[in-house]
C-alpha atoms as a PDB file:
ATOM      1  CA  MET A   1      26.785  75.085  94.882  1.00  0.00           C
ATOM      2  CA  ASN A   2      23.360  73.760  95.836  1.00  0.00           C
ATOM      3  CA  THR A   3      21.957  75.018  99.082  1.00  0.00           C
ATOM      4  CA  PRO A   4      19.601  72.929 101.287  1.00  0.00           C
ATOM      5  CA  GLY A   5      16.746  75.178 100.202  1.00  0.00           C
ATOM      6  CA  LYS A   6      17.453  74.570  96.522  1.00  0.00           C
ATOM      7  CA  LEU A   7      17.709  70.830  97.052  1.00  0.00           C
ATOM      8  CA  ARG A   8      14.394  70.808  98.876  1.00  0.00           C
ATOM      9  CA  LEU A   9      12.687  72.800  96.109  1.00  0.00           C
ATOM     10  CA  SER A  10      14.077  70.450  93.464  1.00  0.00           C
ATOM     11  CA  SER A  11      12.872  67.403  95.364  1.00  0.00           C
ATOM     12  CA  LEU A  12       9.368  68.871  95.422  1.00  0.00           C
ATOM     13  CA  ARG A  13       9.239  69.812  91.761  1.00  0.00           C
ATOM     14  CA  SER A  14      10.520  66.508  90.404  1.00  0.00           C
ATOM     15  CA  PRO A  15       7.708  64.230  91.627  1.00  0.00           C
ATOM     16  CA  ILE A  16       4.993  66.770  90.855  1.00  0.00           C
ATOM     17  CA  ALA A  17       6.299  67.293  87.304  1.00  0.00           C
ATOM     18  CA  GLY A  18       6.458  63.564  86.688  1.00  0.00           C
ATOM     19  CA  SER A  19       2.930  63.019  88.005  1.00  0.00           C
ATOM     20  CA  LEU A  20       1.536  65.800  85.827  1.00  0.00           C
ATOM     21  CA  ALA A  21       3.286  64.381  82.743  1.00  0.00           C
ATOM     22  CA  VAL A  22       1.789  60.955  83.462  1.00  0.00           C
ATOM     23  CA  LEU A  23      -1.650  62.534  83.808  1.00  0.00           C
ATOM     24  CA  LEU A  24      -1.291  64.362  80.470  1.00  0.00           C
ATOM     25  CA  VAL A  25      -0.447  61.129  78.634  1.00  0.00           C
ATOM     26  CA  ALA A  26      -3.466  59.469  80.241  1.00  0.00           C
ATOM     27  CA  MET A  27      -5.803  62.265  79.130  1.00  0.00           C
ATOM     28  CA  VAL A  28      -4.550  62.243  75.534  1.00  0.00           C
ATOM     29  CA  SER A  29      -4.904  58.469  75.367  1.00  0.00           C
ATOM     30  CA  ILE A  30      -8.453  58.392  76.699  1.00  0.00           C
ATOM     31  CA  GLN A  31      -9.720  61.036  74.261  1.00  0.00           C
ATOM     32  CA  ILE A  32      -8.205  59.280  71.261  1.00  0.00           C
ATOM     33  CA  GLY A  33      -9.783  56.076  72.518  1.00  0.00           C
ATOM     34  CA  ALA A  34     -13.181  57.773  72.814  1.00  0.00           C
ATOM     35  CA  SER A  35     -12.945  58.935  69.214  1.00  0.00           C
ATOM     36  CA  LEU A  36     -12.087  55.423  68.056  1.00  0.00           C
ATOM     37  CA  ALA A  37     -14.910  53.925  70.123  1.00  0.00           C
ATOM     38  CA  LYS A  38     -17.534  55.793  68.128  1.00  0.00           C
ATOM     39  CA  GLY A  39     -16.530  53.600  65.218  1.00  0.00           C
ATOM     40  CA  LEU A  40     -18.062  50.665  67.095  1.00  0.00           C
ATOM     41  CA  PHE A  41     -21.448  52.345  67.625  1.00  0.00           C
ATOM     42  CA  PRO A  42     -22.958  51.396  64.227  1.00  0.00           C
ATOM     43  CA  PHE A  43     -22.221  47.719  64.892  1.00  0.00           C
ATOM     44  CA  VAL A  44     -22.854  47.138  68.612  1.00  0.00           C
ATOM     45  CA  GLY A  45     -24.220  50.438  69.918  1.00  0.00           C
ATOM     46  CA  ALA A  46     -22.894  52.502  72.789  1.00  0.00           C
ATOM     47  CA  GLN A  47     -23.695  49.718  75.265  1.00  0.00           C
ATOM     48  CA  GLY A  48     -21.811  47.145  73.231  1.00  0.00           C
ATOM     49  CA  ALA A  49     -18.844  49.463  72.740  1.00  0.00           C
ATOM     50  CA  THR A  50     -18.679  49.996  76.502  1.00  0.00           C
ATOM     51  CA  ALA A  51     -18.845  46.249  77.113  1.00  0.00           C
ATOM     52  CA  LEU A  52     -16.056  45.506  74.629  1.00  0.00           C
ATOM     53  CA  ARG A  53     -13.893  48.290  76.013  1.00  0.00           C
ATOM     54  CA  LEU A  54     -14.217  47.256  79.639  1.00  0.00           C
ATOM     55  CA  ALA A  55     -14.123  43.505  78.999  1.00  0.00           C
ATOM     56  CA  PHE A  56     -10.858  43.693  77.055  1.00  0.00           C
ATOM     57  CA  SER A  57      -9.464  46.181  79.555  1.00  0.00           C
ATOM     58  CA  ALA A  58     -10.293  43.821  82.416  1.00  0.00           C
ATOM     59  CA  LEU A  59      -8.558  40.991  80.564  1.00  0.00           C
ATOM     60  CA  VAL A  60      -5.409  43.057  80.002  1.00  0.00           C
ATOM     61  CA  MET A  61      -5.345  44.350  83.566  1.00  0.00           C
ATOM     62  CA  THR A  62      -5.863  40.854  84.982  1.00  0.00           C
ATOM     63  CA  VAL A  63      -2.690  39.724  83.225  1.00  0.00           C
ATOM     64  CA  VAL A  64      -0.712  42.847  84.086  1.00  0.00           C
ATOM     65  CA  GLY A  65      -2.132  43.815  87.473  1.00  0.00           C
ATOM     66  CA  LYS A  66      -2.510  40.350  89.088  1.00  0.00           C
ATOM     67  CA  PRO A  67      -5.709  41.170  91.011  1.00  0.00           C
ATOM     68  CA  TRP A  68      -5.554  37.882  92.943  1.00  0.00           C
ATOM     69  CA  ARG A  69      -2.796  39.455  95.055  1.00  0.00           C
ATOM     70  CA  VAL A  70      -5.249  41.875  96.638  1.00  0.00           C
ATOM     71  CA  ARG A  71      -5.773  41.333 100.345  1.00  0.00           C
ATOM     72  CA  LEU A  72      -9.325  42.306 101.186  1.00  0.00           C
ATOM     73  CA  SER A  73     -10.636  43.247 104.601  1.00  0.00           C
ATOM     74  CA  ARG A  74     -13.806  44.813 105.943  1.00  0.00           C
ATOM     75  CA  SER A  75     -12.223  48.284 105.933  1.00  0.00           C
ATOM     76  CA  ASN A  76     -10.602  48.291 102.491  1.00  0.00           C
ATOM     77  CA  THR A  77     -13.230  46.506 100.378  1.00  0.00           C
ATOM     78  CA  VAL A  78     -15.865  49.248 100.182  1.00  0.00           C
ATOM     79  CA  PRO A  79     -13.635  51.957  98.574  1.00  0.00           C
ATOM     80  CA  LEU A  80     -12.399  49.426  96.013  1.00  0.00           C
ATOM     81  CA  LEU A  81     -15.938  48.290  95.203  1.00  0.00           C
ATOM     82  CA  LEU A  82     -17.189  51.862  94.832  1.00  0.00           C
ATOM     83  CA  TYR A  83     -14.192  52.715  92.662  1.00  0.00           C
ATOM     84  CA  GLY A  84     -15.024  49.860  90.283  1.00  0.00           C
ATOM     85  CA  LEU A  85     -18.743  50.623  90.235  1.00  0.00           C
ATOM     86  CA  SER A  86     -18.162  54.313  89.506  1.00  0.00           C
ATOM     87  CA  LEU A  87     -15.744  53.331  86.739  1.00  0.00           C
ATOM     88  CA  GLY A  88     -18.273  51.046  85.056  1.00  0.00           C
ATOM     89  CA  VAL A  89     -21.251  53.402  85.283  1.00  0.00           C
ATOM     90  CA  MET A  90     -19.123  56.377  84.215  1.00  0.00           C
ATOM     91  CA  ASN A  91     -18.053  54.641  81.011  1.00  0.00           C
ATOM     92  CA  LEU A  92     -21.545  53.425  80.209  1.00  0.00           C
ATOM     93  CA  CYS A  93     -23.132  56.853  80.727  1.00  0.00           C
ATOM     94  CA  PHE A  94     -20.405  58.619  78.766  1.00  0.00           C
ATOM     95  CA  TYR A  95     -20.777  56.398  75.710  1.00  0.00           C
ATOM     96  CA  MET A  96     -24.545  56.759  75.903  1.00  0.00           C
ATOM     97  CA  ALA A  97     -24.017  60.535  75.791  1.00  0.00           C
ATOM     98  CA  LEU A  98     -21.724  60.269  72.758  1.00  0.00           C
ATOM     99  CA  ARG A  99     -24.594  58.863  70.689  1.00  0.00           C
ATOM    100  CA  THR A 100     -26.167  62.333  70.402  1.00  0.00           C
ATOM    101  CA  VAL A 101     -23.705  64.844  71.905  1.00  0.00           C
ATOM    102  CA  PRO A 102     -20.363  65.883  70.302  1.00  0.00           C
ATOM    103  CA  LEU A 103     -17.253  64.604  72.072  1.00  0.00           C
ATOM    104  CA  GLY A 104     -15.992  68.014  73.191  1.00  0.00           C
ATOM    105  CA  VAL A 105     -19.382  69.032  74.583  1.00  0.00           C
ATOM    106  CA  ALA A 106     -19.880  65.687  76.338  1.00  0.00           C
ATOM    107  CA  VAL A 107     -16.540  65.946  78.111  1.00  0.00           C
ATOM    108  CA  ALA A 108     -17.200  69.587  78.987  1.00  0.00           C
ATOM    109  CA  LEU A 109     -20.435  68.612  80.731  1.00  0.00           C
ATOM    110  CA  GLU A 110     -18.792  65.546  82.295  1.00  0.00           C
ATOM    111  CA  PHE A 111     -16.033  67.753  83.681  1.00  0.00           C
ATOM    112  CA  LEU A 112     -18.459  69.298  86.156  1.00  0.00           C
ATOM    113  CA  GLY A 113     -17.784  66.203  88.290  1.00  0.00           C
ATOM    114  CA  PRO A 114     -14.047  66.701  88.874  1.00  0.00           C
ATOM    115  CA  LEU A 115     -14.626  70.444  88.983  1.00  0.00           C
ATOM    116  CA  GLY A 116     -16.929  69.817  91.936  1.00  0.00           C
ATOM    117  CA  VAL A 117     -14.183  67.784  93.608  1.00  0.00           C
ATOM    118  CA  ALA A 118     -11.755  70.653  93.121  1.00  0.00           C
ATOM    119  CA  VAL A 119     -14.190  73.117  94.713  1.00  0.00           C
ATOM    120  CA  ALA A 120     -15.159  70.819  97.568  1.00  0.00           C
ATOM    121  CA  THR A 121     -11.583  69.978  98.543  1.00  0.00           C
ATOM    122  CA  SER A 122      -9.981  73.380  97.983  1.00  0.00           C
ATOM    123  CA  ARG A 123      -8.648  75.301 100.957  1.00  0.00           C
ATOM    124  CA  LYS A 124      -6.709  78.144  99.302  1.00  0.00           C
ATOM    125  CA  ALA A 125      -8.111  81.155  97.504  1.00  0.00           C
ATOM    126  CA  ARG A 126      -5.762  80.747  94.543  1.00  0.00           C
ATOM    127  CA  ASP A 127      -7.239  77.323  93.801  1.00  0.00           C
ATOM    128  CA  PHE A 128     -10.617  78.967  93.239  1.00  0.00           C
ATOM    129  CA  VAL A 129      -9.026  81.240  90.619  1.00  0.00           C
ATOM    130  CA  TRP A 130      -8.081  78.244  88.484  1.00  0.00           C
ATOM    131  CA  VAL A 131     -11.370  76.489  89.184  1.00  0.00           C
ATOM    132  CA  GLY A 132     -13.277  79.646  88.214  1.00  0.00           C
ATOM    133  CA  LEU A 133     -11.295  80.021  85.008  1.00  0.00           C
ATOM    134  CA  ALA A 134     -11.861  76.374  84.121  1.00  0.00           C
ATOM    135  CA  ALA A 135     -15.568  76.728  84.893  1.00  0.00           C
ATOM    136  CA  ALA A 136     -15.785  79.743  82.573  1.00  0.00           C
ATOM    137  CA  GLY A 137     -14.192  77.685  79.821  1.00  0.00           C
ATOM    138  CA  VAL A 138     -16.673  74.862  80.393  1.00  0.00           C
ATOM    139  CA  VAL A 139     -19.578  77.304  80.155  1.00  0.00           C
ATOM    140  CA  VAL A 140     -18.270  78.657  76.846  1.00  0.00           C
ATOM    141  CA  LEU A 141     -17.741  75.150  75.458  1.00  0.00           C
ATOM    142  CA  SER A 142     -21.149  73.931  76.593  1.00  0.00           C
ATOM    143  CA  PRO A 143     -24.068  74.685  74.266  1.00  0.00           C
ATOM    144  CA  VAL A 144     -25.848  77.180  76.492  1.00  0.00           C
ATOM    145  CA  SER A 145     -28.187  80.072  75.710  1.00  0.00           C
ATOM    146  CA  PRO A 146     -29.359  79.999  72.062  1.00  0.00           C
ATOM    147  CA  LEU A 147     -27.279  76.888  71.300  1.00  0.00           C
ATOM    148  CA  SER A 148     -28.832  74.905  74.139  1.00  0.00           C
ATOM    149  CA  ALA A 149     -32.021  74.299  72.152  1.00  0.00           C
ATOM    150  CA  SER A 150     -30.104  71.983  69.799  1.00  0.00           C
ATOM    151  CA  LEU A 151     -28.581  69.944  72.631  1.00  0.00           C
ATOM    152  CA  ASP A 152     -30.114  66.519  73.147  1.00  0.00           C
ATOM    153  CA  VAL A 153     -31.494  66.505  76.686  1.00  0.00           C
ATOM    154  CA  ALA A 154     -31.002  62.765  77.228  1.00  0.00           C
ATOM    155  CA  GLY A 155     -27.439  62.947  75.939  1.00  0.00           C
ATOM    156  CA  ALA A 156     -26.669  65.876  78.216  1.00  0.00           C
ATOM    157  CA  GLY A 157     -28.184  63.984  81.141  1.00  0.00           C
ATOM    158  CA  PHE A 158     -25.956  60.980  80.485  1.00  0.00           C
ATOM    159  CA  ALA A 159     -22.897  63.269  80.292  1.00  0.00           C
ATOM    160  CA  LEU A 160     -23.778  64.882  83.619  1.00  0.00           C
ATOM    161  CA  ALA A 161     -24.322  61.452  85.193  1.00  0.00           C
ATOM    162  CA  ALA A 162     -20.902  60.423  83.916  1.00  0.00           C
ATOM    163  CA  GLY A 163     -19.517  63.544  85.575  1.00  0.00           C
ATOM    164  CA  GLY A 164     -20.988  62.529  88.922  1.00  0.00           C
ATOM    165  CA  CYS A 165     -19.370  59.109  88.566  1.00  0.00           C
ATOM    166  CA  TRP A 166     -16.098  60.780  87.582  1.00  0.00           C
ATOM    167  CA  ALA A 167     -16.126  62.660  90.891  1.00  0.00           C
ATOM    168  CA  LEU A 168     -16.638  59.388  92.774  1.00  0.00           C
ATOM    169  CA  TYR A 169     -13.892  57.766  90.699  1.00  0.00           C
ATOM    170  CA  ILE A 170     -11.433  60.457  91.814  1.00  0.00           C
ATOM    171  CA  LEU A 171     -12.342  60.255  95.493  1.00  0.00           C
ATOM    172  CA  PHE A 172     -12.633  56.485  95.878  1.00  0.00           C
ATOM    173  CA  GLY A 173      -9.792  55.823  93.427  1.00  0.00           C
ATOM    174  CA  ALA A 174      -7.377  57.820  95.564  1.00  0.00           C
ATOM    175  CA  LYS A 175      -8.380  55.943  98.712  1.00  0.00           C
ATOM    176  CA  ALA A 176      -8.406  52.526  97.054  1.00  0.00           C
ATOM    177  CA  GLY A 177      -5.032  53.225  95.441  1.00  0.00           C
ATOM    178  CA  ASP A 178      -3.487  54.010  98.812  1.00  0.00           C
ATOM    179  CA  GLN A 179      -4.817  50.740 100.217  1.00  0.00           C
ATOM    180  CA  HIS A 180      -4.205  48.345  97.318  1.00  0.00           C
ATOM    181  CA  GLY A 181      -1.492  49.942  95.180  1.00  0.00           C
ATOM    182  CA  GLY A 182      -0.984  48.566  91.679  1.00  0.00           C
ATOM    183  CA  GLN A 183      -3.761  45.993  91.963  1.00  0.00           C
ATOM    184  CA  THR A 184      -6.434  48.678  92.321  1.00  0.00           C
ATOM    185  CA  VAL A 185      -6.929  49.245  88.594  1.00  0.00           C
ATOM    186  CA  ALA A 186      -7.008  45.508  87.871  1.00  0.00           C
ATOM    187  CA  VAL A 187      -9.733  44.786  90.427  1.00  0.00           C
ATOM    188  CA  GLY A 188     -11.600  47.983  89.515  1.00  0.00           C
ATOM    189  CA  SER A 189     -11.563  46.969  85.841  1.00  0.00           C
ATOM    190  CA  LEU A 190     -13.093  43.598  86.672  1.00  0.00           C
ATOM    191  CA  ILE A 191     -15.857  45.252  88.673  1.00  0.00           C
ATOM    192  CA  ALA A 192     -16.477  47.818  85.916  1.00  0.00           C
ATOM    193  CA  ALA A 193     -16.700  45.071  83.299  1.00  0.00           C
ATOM    194  CA  ALA A 194     -19.202  43.181  85.463  1.00  0.00           C
ATOM    195  CA  VAL A 195     -21.342  46.339  85.459  1.00  0.00           C
ATOM    196  CA  ALA A 196     -21.176  47.093  81.716  1.00  0.00           C
ATOM    197  CA  VAL A 197     -21.071  43.691  80.000  1.00  0.00           C
ATOM    198  CA  PRO A 198     -24.688  42.717  80.833  1.00  0.00           C
ATOM    199  CA  PHE A 199     -25.909  45.945  79.193  1.00  0.00           C
ATOM    200  CA  GLY A 200     -23.790  45.245  76.108  1.00  0.00           C
ATOM    201  CA  VAL A 201     -25.011  41.659  75.831  1.00  0.00           C
ATOM    202  CA  ALA A 202     -28.642  42.737  76.224  1.00  0.00           C
ATOM    203  CA  HIS A 203     -28.268  45.321  73.442  1.00  0.00           C
ATOM    204  CA  ALA A 204     -25.901  43.690  70.930  1.00  0.00           C
ATOM    205  CA  GLY A 205     -26.059  39.976  71.728  1.00  0.00           C
ATOM    206  CA  VAL A 206     -23.838  37.754  69.591  1.00  0.00           C
ATOM    207  CA  ARG A 207     -22.620  40.727  67.540  1.00  0.00           C
ATOM    208  CA  LEU A 208     -20.130  41.322  70.360  1.00  0.00           C
ATOM    209  CA  LEU A 209     -18.369  38.101  69.268  1.00  0.00           C
ATOM    210  CA  ASP A 210     -17.804  39.259  65.668  1.00  0.00           C
ATOM    211  CA  PRO A 211     -14.066  38.609  65.024  1.00  0.00           C
ATOM    212  CA  SER A 212     -13.817  41.648  62.755  1.00  0.00           C
ATOM    213  CA  LEU A 213     -14.538  43.910  65.723  1.00  0.00           C
ATOM    214  CA  LEU A 214     -11.838  42.441  67.957  1.00  0.00           C
ATOM    215  CA  PRO A 215      -8.898  44.636  66.779  1.00  0.00           C
ATOM    216  CA  LEU A 216     -10.858  47.835  67.238  1.00  0.00           C
ATOM    217  CA  GLY A 217     -12.275  46.635  70.546  1.00  0.00           C
ATOM    218  CA  ILE A 218      -8.819  45.800  71.880  1.00  0.00           C
ATOM    219  CA  GLY A 219      -7.421  49.125  70.648  1.00  0.00           C
ATOM    220  CA  VAL A 220     -10.217  51.059  72.333  1.00  0.00           C
ATOM    221  CA  ALA A 221      -9.711  49.082  75.555  1.00  0.00           C
ATOM    222  CA  VAL A 222      -5.991  49.832  75.675  1.00  0.00           C
ATOM    223  CA  MET A 223      -6.287  53.499  74.696  1.00  0.00           C
ATOM    224  CA  SER A 224      -9.403  54.278  76.724  1.00  0.00           C
ATOM    225  CA  SER A 225      -9.053  52.119  79.825  1.00  0.00           C
ATOM    226  CA  ALA A 226      -6.000  49.944  80.445  1.00  0.00           C
ATOM    227  CA  LEU A 227      -3.348  52.571  79.701  1.00  0.00           C
ATOM    228  CA  PRO A 228      -4.980  55.812  80.944  1.00  0.00           C
ATOM    229  CA  TYR A 229      -6.523  54.378  84.127  1.00  0.00           C
ATOM    230  CA  SER A 230      -3.212  52.803  85.107  1.00  0.00           C
ATOM    231  CA  LEU A 231      -1.461  56.125  84.565  1.00  0.00           C
ATOM    232  CA  GLU A 232      -4.202  58.034  86.366  1.00  0.00           C
ATOM    233  CA  MET A 233      -3.845  55.739  89.370  1.00  0.00           C
ATOM    234  CA  ILE A 234      -0.157  56.656  89.534  1.00  0.00           C
ATOM    235  CA  ALA A 235      -1.091  60.349  89.469  1.00  0.00           C
ATOM    236  CA  LEU A 236      -3.901  59.883  92.003  1.00  0.00           C
ATOM    237  CA  ARG A 237      -1.469  58.382  94.494  1.00  0.00           C
ATOM    238  CA  ARG A 238       0.933  61.321  94.173  1.00  0.00           C
ATOM    239  CA  LEU A 239      -1.330  64.341  93.737  1.00  0.00           C
ATOM    240  CA  PRO A 240      -3.862  65.786  96.193  1.00  0.00           C
ATOM    241  CA  ALA A 241      -7.457  65.328  95.043  1.00  0.00           C
ATOM    242  CA  ARG A 242      -7.942  69.062  94.417  1.00  0.00           C
ATOM    243  CA  THR A 243      -4.794  69.300  92.259  1.00  0.00           C
ATOM    244  CA  PHE A 244      -5.826  66.236  90.278  1.00  0.00           C
ATOM    245  CA  GLY A 245      -9.317  67.658  89.753  1.00  0.00           C
ATOM    246  CA  ILE A 246      -8.048  71.036  88.560  1.00  0.00           C
ATOM    247  CA  CYS A 247      -5.453  69.548  86.191  1.00  0.00           C
ATOM    248  CA  MET A 248      -8.101  67.354  84.629  1.00  0.00           C
ATOM    249  CA  SER A 249      -9.619  70.591  83.304  1.00  0.00           C
ATOM    250  CA  ALA A 250      -7.574  69.943  80.175  1.00  0.00           C
ATOM    251  CA  GLU A 251      -9.930  67.080  79.299  1.00  0.00           C
ATOM    252  CA  PRO A 252     -12.577  69.172  77.443  1.00  0.00           C
ATOM    253  CA  ALA A 253      -9.866  70.873  75.405  1.00  0.00           C
ATOM    254  CA  LEU A 254      -8.257  67.577  74.475  1.00  0.00           C
ATOM    255  CA  ALA A 255     -11.666  66.080  73.696  1.00  0.00           C
ATOM    256  CA  ALA A 256     -12.562  68.961  71.386  1.00  0.00           C
ATOM    257  CA  LEU A 257      -9.208  68.606  69.612  1.00  0.00           C
ATOM    258  CA  SER A 258      -9.644  64.844  69.281  1.00  0.00           C
ATOM    259  CA  GLY A 259     -13.173  65.328  67.959  1.00  0.00           C
ATOM    260  CA  PHE A 260     -11.855  67.746  65.348  1.00  0.00           C
ATOM    261  CA  VAL A 261      -8.967  65.505  64.234  1.00  0.00           C
ATOM    262  CA  PHE A 262     -10.692  62.105  64.266  1.00  0.00           C
ATOM    263  CA  LEU A 263     -14.409  62.885  63.941  1.00  0.00           C
ATOM    264  CA  GLY A 264     -14.431  66.074  61.882  1.00  0.00           C
ATOM    265  CA  GLU A 265     -16.152  68.139  64.613  1.00  0.00           C
ATOM    266  CA  HIS A 266     -15.255  71.719  63.674  1.00  0.00           C
ATOM    267  CA  LEU A 267     -14.647  74.388  66.302  1.00  0.00           C
ATOM    268  CA  GLY A 268     -16.038  77.912  66.256  1.00  0.00           C
ATOM    269  CA  PRO A 269     -14.613  81.038  67.943  1.00  0.00           C
ATOM    270  CA  ALA A 270     -16.606  80.433  71.143  1.00  0.00           C
ATOM    271  CA  GLN A 271     -15.294  76.879  71.431  1.00  0.00           C
ATOM    272  CA  LEU A 272     -11.720  78.066  70.871  1.00  0.00           C
ATOM    273  CA  LEU A 273     -12.188  80.689  73.581  1.00  0.00           C
ATOM    274  CA  GLY A 274     -13.436  78.053  75.998  1.00  0.00           C
ATOM    275  CA  ILE A 275     -10.498  75.790  75.205  1.00  0.00           C
ATOM    276  CA  SER A 276      -8.065  78.649  75.813  1.00  0.00           C
ATOM    277  CA  ALA A 277      -9.590  79.358  79.219  1.00  0.00           C
ATOM    278  CA  ILE A 278      -9.363  75.713  80.234  1.00  0.00           C
ATOM    279  CA  ILE A 279      -5.756  75.391  79.073  1.00  0.00           C
ATOM    280  CA  ALA A 280      -4.899  78.544  81.044  1.00  0.00           C
ATOM    281  CA  ALA A 281      -6.516  77.058  84.148  1.00  0.00           C
ATOM    282  CA  SER A 282      -4.540  73.839  83.749  1.00  0.00           C
ATOM    283  CA  PHE A 283      -1.309  75.780  83.245  1.00  0.00           C
ATOM    284  CA  GLY A 284      -1.983  77.813  86.380  1.00  0.00           C
ATOM    285  CA  ALA A 285      -2.604  74.648  88.346  1.00  0.00           C
ATOM    286  CA  VAL A 286       0.720  73.240  87.161  1.00  0.00           C
ATOM    287  CA  LEU A 287       2.569  76.369  88.278  1.00  0.00           C
ATOM    288  CA  THR A 288       1.138  76.270  91.797  1.00  0.00           C
ATOM    289  CA  ALA A 289       0.855  72.515  92.339  1.00  0.00           C
ATOM    290  CA  SER A 290       4.368  72.109  93.823  1.00  0.00           C
ATOM    291  CA  ALA A 291       3.365  74.068  96.890  1.00  0.00           C
ATOM    292  CA  VAL A 292       0.533  71.661  97.615  1.00  0.00           C
ATOM    293  CA  ILE A 293       2.623  68.502  98.054  1.00  0.00           C
ATOM    294  CA  ASN A 294       4.622  69.941 100.947  1.00  0.00           C
ATOM    295  CA  HIS A 295       2.520  67.917 103.364  1.00  0.00           C
ATOM    296  CA  PRO A 296       3.776  64.531 104.619  1.00  0.00           C
ATOM    297  CA  ASP A 297       0.270  63.036 104.674  1.00  0.00           C
ATOM    298  CA  GLN A 298      -0.218  63.724 100.972  1.00  0.00           C
ATOM    299  CA  THR A 299       2.921  62.079  99.605  1.00  0.00           C
ATOM    300  CA  PRO A 300       3.179  58.394  98.645  1.00  0.00           C
END
């Protein structure tokens, strides 16, 4: 027979497990999309690929998310605007990094953003264990020490800038999601597209209208933006910011795997060690995340 204590524990684990599963699907989707997006670089460049991705994503999310239903006020407009801006700049910087930096390395450097969120919002010592383990994995994956000489400085700078925007995306996305619900991603996608499209037009011009690029552009938009950002918004509304940030530590591992499968980027022993550390950190975060949602102000 179920006791009240068992029922309460089950009610806590169910929503947290579902949110973590949603987040995993989002992360897998976005890394596959990033691998596919590099196929657009020879035709329209990183700027054009970003423009196509965000423009098609905005179109899809306008149909699905019905952004015209948003009720704006002085207090709820700023988080939504900053969410969209951070989304647009993050994508643009990340694709600029992918021109010269391998996918796994770019995501590892970008991950310093959410890692910073996890550190800044953590209040329990055990959270720092997982953050520290994830950080160690990032250091191993990143081309430091003798390997750092071969790393393109500009590419690394773009990846780090994307990481800063990723941190803002987490913080403002959580707040905007609480205020606007399902319309948040739709409005944010429109703002992000308004940021990126001018850069794409300036770089690629009429090549962006090439019909042969439309299938790939739509596929990248769905896999990299429309699907994962919608799923991430669900997770953001149900997970505390520090839990979300720690669980996202799986991103570099998934990026390295996607780079290997789709782009032929081979992994050495050091990279495998870094991936193992990051997966262990994510697993530890999953095991302890249920205790974090036992706060009424953190549940949807």
